[in-house]
Amino acid sequence: MSENDDTTNRPLPDRLSVDPNSPFYNAEVLSRDVGIRFKGVEKTNVEEYCVSEGWVRVTAGNAKDRHGNPLTIKVHGPVEPYFRDKK
């Protein structure tokens, strides 16, 4: 079994972040092109999600904080993560 086959069979984590400084960052999972459906709508500006708590952090326009990171807003509702790359 190859390394790719192993990641294909694993489910998505309950919580995932695209920020490399976050403890919920996982480069291996993010390399597979994760999609997020929030309240039934495809979202492309999600920075972090949590399925069990039912929220996503989305970017707030082009605004940046004092460290140059995008400002985010936490929005509550049903979260459905999935892999876009169907093999």
N, C-alpha and C. Protein backbone atom coordinates (compact mmCIF):
# COMPACT_ATOMS: atom_id res chain seq x y z
N MET A 1 0.85 -1.18 0.00
CA MET A 1 0.00 0.00 0.00
C MET A 1 0.89 1.24 0.00
N SER A 2 0.64 2.16 -0.89
CA SER A 2 1.47 3.36 -0.96
C SER A 2 1.04 4.39 0.07
N GLU A 3 1.85 5.43 0.22
CA GLU A 3 1.56 6.48 1.19
C GLU A 3 0.29 7.25 0.81
N ASN A 4 0.06 7.45 -0.49
CA ASN A 4 -1.14 8.15 -0.95
C ASN A 4 -2.41 7.38 -0.62
N ASP A 5 -2.36 6.05 -0.77
CA ASP A 5 -3.53 5.23 -0.47
C ASP A 5 -3.91 5.34 0.99
N ASP A 6 -2.91 5.48 1.87
CA ASP A 6 -3.17 5.60 3.30
C ASP A 6 -3.92 6.88 3.62
N THR A 7 -3.55 8.01 3.00
CA THR A 7 -4.24 9.28 3.25
C THR A 7 -5.60 9.32 2.60
N THR A 8 -5.81 8.55 1.54
CA THR A 8 -7.09 8.51 0.85
C THR A 8 -8.17 7.90 1.73
N ASN A 9 -7.80 6.90 2.54
CA ASN A 9 -8.78 6.19 3.35
C ASN A 9 -9.08 6.89 4.67
N ARG A 10 -8.26 7.84 5.08
CA ARG A 10 -8.48 8.53 6.36
C ARG A 10 -9.58 9.58 6.23
N PRO A 11 -10.42 9.68 7.24
CA PRO A 11 -11.45 10.73 7.21
C PRO A 11 -10.83 12.09 7.53
N LEU A 12 -11.54 13.13 7.21
CA LEU A 12 -11.07 14.48 7.54
C LEU A 12 -11.09 14.70 9.04
N PRO A 13 -10.17 15.51 9.56
CA PRO A 13 -10.16 15.79 11.00
C PRO A 13 -11.36 16.64 11.40
N ASP A 14 -11.71 16.58 12.69
CA ASP A 14 -12.82 17.36 13.21
C ASP A 14 -12.54 18.85 13.13
N ARG A 15 -11.27 19.22 13.30
CA ARG A 15 -10.89 20.64 13.26
C ARG A 15 -9.62 20.77 12.43
N LEU A 16 -9.60 21.77 11.54
CA LEU A 16 -8.47 21.95 10.64
C LEU A 16 -8.27 23.43 10.37
N SER A 17 -7.01 23.85 10.30
CA SER A 17 -6.67 25.25 10.04
C SER A 17 -5.65 25.33 8.91
N VAL A 18 -5.70 26.42 8.14
CA VAL A 18 -4.72 26.63 7.08
C VAL A 18 -3.52 27.43 7.57
N ASP A 19 -3.54 27.90 8.82
CA ASP A 19 -2.44 28.68 9.40
C ASP A 19 -1.36 27.73 9.92
N PRO A 20 -0.14 27.79 9.36
CA PRO A 20 0.93 26.88 9.81
C PRO A 20 1.30 27.04 11.28
N ASN A 21 0.97 28.15 11.92
CA ASN A 21 1.28 28.35 13.34
C ASN A 21 0.22 27.76 14.27
N SER A 22 -0.88 27.30 13.71
CA SER A 22 -1.97 26.73 14.51
C SER A 22 -1.67 25.28 14.90
N PRO A 23 -2.11 24.85 16.09
CA PRO A 23 -1.94 23.43 16.45
C PRO A 23 -2.84 22.51 15.63
N PHE A 24 -3.81 23.07 14.90
CA PHE A 24 -4.74 22.27 14.10
C PHE A 24 -4.36 22.25 12.62
N TYR A 25 -3.17 22.73 12.29
CA TYR A 25 -2.66 22.72 10.93
C TYR A 25 -2.18 21.31 10.58
N ASN A 26 -2.54 20.83 9.39
CA ASN A 26 -2.10 19.51 8.93
C ASN A 26 -1.81 19.61 7.43
N ALA A 27 -0.54 19.75 7.08
CA ALA A 27 -0.14 19.92 5.68
C ALA A 27 -0.52 18.72 4.82
N GLU A 28 -0.44 17.53 5.39
CA GLU A 28 -0.75 16.31 4.64
C GLU A 28 -2.20 16.31 4.18
N VAL A 29 -3.11 16.69 5.05
CA VAL A 29 -4.54 16.73 4.70
C VAL A 29 -4.81 17.88 3.74
N LEU A 30 -4.23 19.05 3.99
CA LEU A 30 -4.47 20.21 3.14
C LEU A 30 -3.94 20.02 1.72
N SER A 31 -2.93 19.17 1.55
CA SER A 31 -2.39 18.92 0.22
C SER A 31 -3.39 18.20 -0.68
N ARG A 32 -4.43 17.63 -0.10
CA ARG A 32 -5.44 16.90 -0.87
C ARG A 32 -6.60 17.77 -1.32
N ASP A 33 -6.52 19.09 -1.15
CA ASP A 33 -7.53 20.04 -1.60
C ASP A 33 -8.87 19.80 -0.88
N VAL A 34 -8.96 20.30 0.33
CA VAL A 34 -10.15 20.16 1.17
C VAL A 34 -11.16 21.24 0.78
N GLY A 35 -12.40 20.84 0.58
CA GLY A 35 -13.49 21.77 0.32
C GLY A 35 -14.38 21.87 1.54
N ILE A 36 -15.03 23.02 1.73
CA ILE A 36 -15.92 23.23 2.86
C ILE A 36 -17.28 23.67 2.36
N ARG A 37 -18.30 22.96 2.80
CA ARG A 37 -19.68 23.36 2.53
C ARG A 37 -20.24 23.84 3.87
N PHE A 38 -20.65 25.11 3.92
CA PHE A 38 -21.16 25.71 5.14
C PHE A 38 -22.59 26.17 4.89
N LYS A 39 -23.51 25.62 5.67
CA LYS A 39 -24.95 25.88 5.50
C LYS A 39 -25.38 25.57 4.06
N GLY A 40 -24.78 24.52 3.49
CA GLY A 40 -25.15 24.07 2.15
C GLY A 40 -24.52 24.86 1.02
N VAL A 41 -23.65 25.83 1.32
CA VAL A 41 -23.02 26.66 0.30
C VAL A 41 -21.51 26.44 0.32
N GLU A 42 -20.92 26.27 -0.86
CA GLU A 42 -19.47 26.10 -0.98
C GLU A 42 -18.77 27.40 -0.57
N LYS A 43 -17.82 27.29 0.36
CA LYS A 43 -17.05 28.45 0.82
C LYS A 43 -15.60 28.28 0.40
N THR A 44 -14.99 29.35 -0.12
CA THR A 44 -13.60 29.29 -0.56
C THR A 44 -12.69 30.15 0.31
N ASN A 45 -13.25 30.89 1.26
CA ASN A 45 -12.44 31.78 2.09
C ASN A 45 -12.35 31.31 3.54
N VAL A 46 -12.44 30.01 3.78
CA VAL A 46 -12.40 29.45 5.13
C VAL A 46 -10.95 29.31 5.59
N GLU A 47 -10.64 29.87 6.75
CA GLU A 47 -9.31 29.77 7.34
C GLU A 47 -9.22 28.59 8.31
N GLU A 48 -10.32 28.27 9.00
CA GLU A 48 -10.35 27.20 9.99
C GLU A 48 -11.79 26.73 10.13
N TYR A 49 -11.96 25.44 10.46
CA TYR A 49 -13.30 24.93 10.72
C TYR A 49 -13.28 23.95 11.88
N CYS A 50 -14.46 23.76 12.50
CA CYS A 50 -14.64 22.75 13.53
C CYS A 50 -16.02 22.14 13.33
N VAL A 51 -16.07 20.86 12.99
CA VAL A 51 -17.33 20.19 12.70
C VAL A 51 -18.14 19.97 13.98
N SER A 52 -17.49 19.49 15.06
CA SER A 52 -18.23 19.15 16.28
C SER A 52 -18.84 20.38 16.95
N GLU A 53 -18.17 21.53 16.87
CA GLU A 53 -18.70 22.75 17.47
C GLU A 53 -19.55 23.54 16.48
N GLY A 54 -19.50 23.20 15.19
CA GLY A 54 -20.35 23.82 14.18
C GLY A 54 -19.99 25.27 13.87
N TRP A 55 -18.72 25.53 13.50
CA TRP A 55 -18.34 26.88 13.12
C TRP A 55 -17.21 26.86 12.10
N VAL A 56 -17.09 27.98 11.39
CA VAL A 56 -15.97 28.21 10.49
C VAL A 56 -15.44 29.62 10.74
N ARG A 57 -14.16 29.82 10.48
CA ARG A 57 -13.57 31.16 10.50
C ARG A 57 -13.34 31.54 9.05
N VAL A 58 -13.95 32.64 8.63
CA VAL A 58 -13.81 33.13 7.26
C VAL A 58 -13.09 34.47 7.27
N THR A 59 -12.40 34.76 6.19
CA THR A 59 -11.68 36.03 6.09
C THR A 59 -12.68 37.17 5.94
N ALA A 60 -12.32 38.30 6.54
CA ALA A 60 -13.18 39.50 6.50
C ALA A 60 -12.62 40.47 5.46
N GLY A 61 -12.89 40.19 4.20
CA GLY A 61 -12.40 41.06 3.14
C GLY A 61 -10.89 41.03 3.02
N ASN A 62 -10.30 42.20 2.72
CA ASN A 62 -8.85 42.29 2.56
C ASN A 62 -8.17 42.84 3.80
N ALA A 63 -8.91 42.98 4.89
CA ALA A 63 -8.36 43.56 6.12
C ALA A 63 -7.30 42.65 6.73
N LYS A 64 -6.27 43.26 7.30
CA LYS A 64 -5.17 42.53 7.94
C LYS A 64 -5.02 43.01 9.38
N ASP A 65 -4.54 42.11 10.25
CA ASP A 65 -4.25 42.53 11.62
C ASP A 65 -2.84 43.13 11.66
N ARG A 66 -2.37 43.49 12.83
CA ARG A 66 -1.08 44.19 12.94
C ARG A 66 0.12 43.30 12.59
N HIS A 67 -0.11 41.98 12.51
CA HIS A 67 0.96 41.05 12.14
C HIS A 67 0.91 40.68 10.66
N GLY A 68 -0.05 41.24 9.93
CA GLY A 68 -0.18 40.97 8.50
C GLY A 68 -1.04 39.77 8.17
N ASN A 69 -1.67 39.16 9.18
CA ASN A 69 -2.56 38.03 8.95
C ASN A 69 -3.96 38.54 8.60
N PRO A 70 -4.72 37.78 7.80
CA PRO A 70 -6.08 38.24 7.47
C PRO A 70 -6.98 38.23 8.71
N LEU A 71 -7.83 39.25 8.81
CA LEU A 71 -8.82 39.27 9.89
C LEU A 71 -9.89 38.24 9.59
N THR A 72 -10.36 37.54 10.62
CA THR A 72 -11.35 36.49 10.42
C THR A 72 -12.57 36.73 11.31
N ILE A 73 -13.68 36.13 10.89
CA ILE A 73 -14.93 36.18 11.63
C ILE A 73 -15.38 34.74 11.86
N LYS A 74 -15.77 34.42 13.09
CA LYS A 74 -16.28 33.07 13.39
C LYS A 74 -17.79 33.06 13.15
N VAL A 75 -18.25 32.14 12.30
CA VAL A 75 -19.66 32.03 11.94
C VAL A 75 -20.13 30.63 12.30
N HIS A 76 -21.29 30.54 12.95
CA HIS A 76 -21.81 29.26 13.42
C HIS A 76 -22.86 28.69 12.45
N GLY A 77 -22.84 27.37 12.30
CA GLY A 77 -23.79 26.67 11.44
C GLY A 77 -23.23 25.30 11.09
N PRO A 78 -23.98 24.52 10.32
CA PRO A 78 -23.53 23.17 9.94
C PRO A 78 -22.34 23.23 8.96
N VAL A 79 -21.31 22.44 9.26
CA VAL A 79 -20.07 22.41 8.48
C VAL A 79 -19.91 21.03 7.86
N GLU A 80 -19.63 20.98 6.56
CA GLU A 80 -19.42 19.71 5.85
C GLU A 80 -18.09 19.77 5.08
N PRO A 81 -16.99 19.27 5.66
CA PRO A 81 -15.74 19.22 4.91
C PRO A 81 -15.71 18.00 4.00
N TYR A 82 -14.99 18.12 2.88
CA TYR A 82 -14.86 17.00 1.96
C TYR A 82 -13.59 17.19 1.13
N PHE A 83 -13.13 16.10 0.53
CA PHE A 83 -11.98 16.17 -0.38
C PHE A 83 -12.50 16.47 -1.77
N ARG A 84 -11.92 17.49 -2.42
CA ARG A 84 -12.33 17.85 -3.79
C ARG A 84 -11.72 16.89 -4.81
N ASP A 85 -10.55 16.34 -4.52
CA ASP A 85 -9.87 15.47 -5.48
C ASP A 85 -10.38 14.05 -5.36
N LYS A 86 -11.44 13.74 -6.06
CA LYS A 86 -11.99 12.38 -6.05
C LYS A 86 -11.12 11.49 -6.92
N LYS A 87 -10.52 10.46 -6.30
CA LYS A 87 -9.62 9.57 -7.05
C LYS A 87 -10.35 8.35 -7.51
